[in-house]
């Protein structure tokens, strides 16, 4: 996250607010980078508004077909959770490997 924030700066807060999982932790690298509160609040508000608008639009579009949409959503939920867990595990593995490599070269 820190490297992402260093590379993309403030725009990462805006984009991070609409990306699941990232939305939860984007405040940490913003705080570490000592991002000014004003821009952080504005970008967070814009990103959150976009996310809420998207979800509201999807809910409205689902309308009377909610039972059908809900069934399909639940079918996709387990593979998405598995994918997220695999990506997190890969991130930890990569981090551990990098730290070990760095420590062994010292």
Protein backbone atom coordinates (compact mmCIF):
# COMPACT_ATOMS: atom_id res chain seq x y z
CA UNK A 1 0.00 0.00 0.00
CA UNK A 2 2.76 2.41 0.93
CA UNK A 3 4.56 1.91 -2.40
CA UNK A 4 1.25 2.30 -4.26
CA UNK A 5 0.59 5.56 -2.42
CA UNK A 6 4.10 6.86 -3.07
CA UNK A 7 3.73 6.10 -6.78
CA UNK A 8 0.18 7.37 -7.36
CA UNK A 9 -0.23 9.89 -4.55
CA UNK A 10 -3.57 11.51 -3.88
CA UNK A 11 -5.37 9.84 -6.77
CA UNK A 12 -4.91 6.53 -4.96
CA UNK A 13 -7.27 7.77 -2.23
CA UNK A 14 -9.94 8.53 -4.80
CA UNK A 15 -9.54 5.22 -6.62
CA UNK A 16 -9.00 3.31 -3.39
CA UNK A 17 -12.43 4.32 -2.10
CA UNK A 18 -14.15 2.35 -4.87
CA UNK A 19 -11.99 -0.78 -4.76
CA UNK A 20 -13.12 -3.47 -2.32
CA UNK A 21 -10.56 -4.33 0.39
CA UNK A 22 -8.36 -1.35 -0.62
CA UNK A 23 -11.13 1.01 0.52
CA UNK A 24 -10.68 -0.33 4.05
CA UNK A 25 -6.94 0.32 4.32
CA UNK A 26 -6.22 3.29 2.03
CA UNK A 27 -6.25 5.67 5.01
CA UNK A 28 -3.14 4.02 6.50
CA UNK A 29 -0.68 4.87 3.68
CA UNK A 30 -2.31 8.30 3.35
CA UNK A 31 -1.62 8.90 7.03
CA UNK A 32 1.93 7.54 6.80
CA UNK A 33 2.58 9.86 3.84
CA UNK A 34 1.16 12.72 5.94
CA UNK A 35 -1.38 13.65 3.29
CA UNK A 36 -3.12 16.93 4.10
CA UNK A 37 -6.54 16.39 5.66
CA UNK A 38 -8.44 18.74 3.33
CA UNK A 39 -7.60 16.92 0.09
CA UNK A 40 -7.97 13.57 1.85
CA UNK A 41 -11.52 14.40 2.99
CA UNK A 42 -12.52 15.76 -0.44
CA UNK A 43 -11.13 12.75 -2.33
CA UNK A 44 -12.65 10.35 0.20
CA UNK A 45 -16.06 12.04 -0.18
CA UNK A 46 -15.90 11.90 -3.99
CA UNK A 47 -14.76 8.26 -4.01
CA UNK A 48 -17.35 7.21 -1.43
CA UNK A 49 -20.10 9.05 -3.31
CA UNK A 50 -19.12 7.27 -6.53
CA UNK A 51 -19.20 3.87 -4.76
CA UNK A 52 -22.55 4.56 -3.11
CA UNK A 53 -23.98 5.80 -6.42
CA UNK A 54 -22.80 2.66 -8.18
CA UNK A 55 -24.32 0.38 -5.55
CA UNK A 56 -27.56 2.37 -5.53
CA UNK A 57 -27.75 2.21 -9.32
CA UNK A 58 -27.15 -1.54 -9.29
CA UNK A 59 -29.81 -1.98 -6.62
CA UNK A 60 -32.28 0.09 -8.60
CA UNK A 61 -31.52 -1.82 -11.79
CA UNK A 62 -31.97 -5.14 -10.00
CA UNK A 63 -35.44 -4.02 -8.92
CA UNK A 64 -38.01 -6.78 -9.26
CA UNK A 65 -35.34 -9.28 -10.31
CA UNK A 66 -33.62 -9.15 -6.93
CA UNK A 67 -34.21 -12.84 -6.15
CA UNK A 68 -32.49 -13.85 -9.41
CA UNK A 69 -29.65 -11.34 -8.95
CA UNK A 70 -29.18 -12.36 -5.32
CA UNK A 71 -28.87 -16.05 -6.26
CA UNK A 72 -26.22 -15.27 -8.89
CA UNK A 73 -24.38 -12.97 -6.49
CA UNK A 74 -24.15 -15.70 -3.86
CA UNK A 75 -22.80 -18.11 -6.49
CA UNK A 76 -20.00 -15.63 -7.28
CA UNK A 77 -19.29 -14.79 -3.65
CA UNK A 78 -17.30 -17.91 -2.73
CA UNK A 79 -14.91 -17.75 -5.73
CA UNK A 80 -14.30 -14.05 -5.01
CA UNK A 81 -13.50 -14.76 -1.35
CA UNK A 82 -11.14 -17.54 -2.40
CA UNK A 83 -9.43 -15.22 -4.90
CA UNK A 84 -9.01 -12.50 -2.27
CA UNK A 85 -7.55 -14.98 0.24
CA UNK A 86 -5.11 -16.27 -2.41
CA UNK A 87 -4.04 -12.72 -3.30
CA UNK A 88 -3.50 -11.83 0.37
CA UNK A 89 -1.52 -15.04 0.93
CA UNK A 90 0.59 -14.29 -2.14
CA UNK A 91 1.24 -10.78 -0.83
CA UNK A 92 2.41 -12.14 2.52
CA UNK A 93 4.55 -14.80 0.83
CA UNK A 94 6.14 -12.19 -1.46
CA UNK A 95 6.82 -9.86 1.47
CA UNK A 96 8.41 -12.63 3.56
CA UNK A 97 10.54 -13.73 0.60
CA UNK A 98 11.70 -10.15 0.00
CA UNK A 99 12.57 -9.59 3.66
CA UNK A 100 14.50 -12.87 3.84
CA UNK A 101 16.39 -12.05 0.65
CA UNK A 102 17.23 -8.60 2.00
CA UNK A 103 18.35 -9.99 5.37
CA UNK A 104 20.53 -12.70 3.80
CA UNK A 105 22.36 -10.16 1.63
CA UNK A 106 23.40 -8.12 4.70
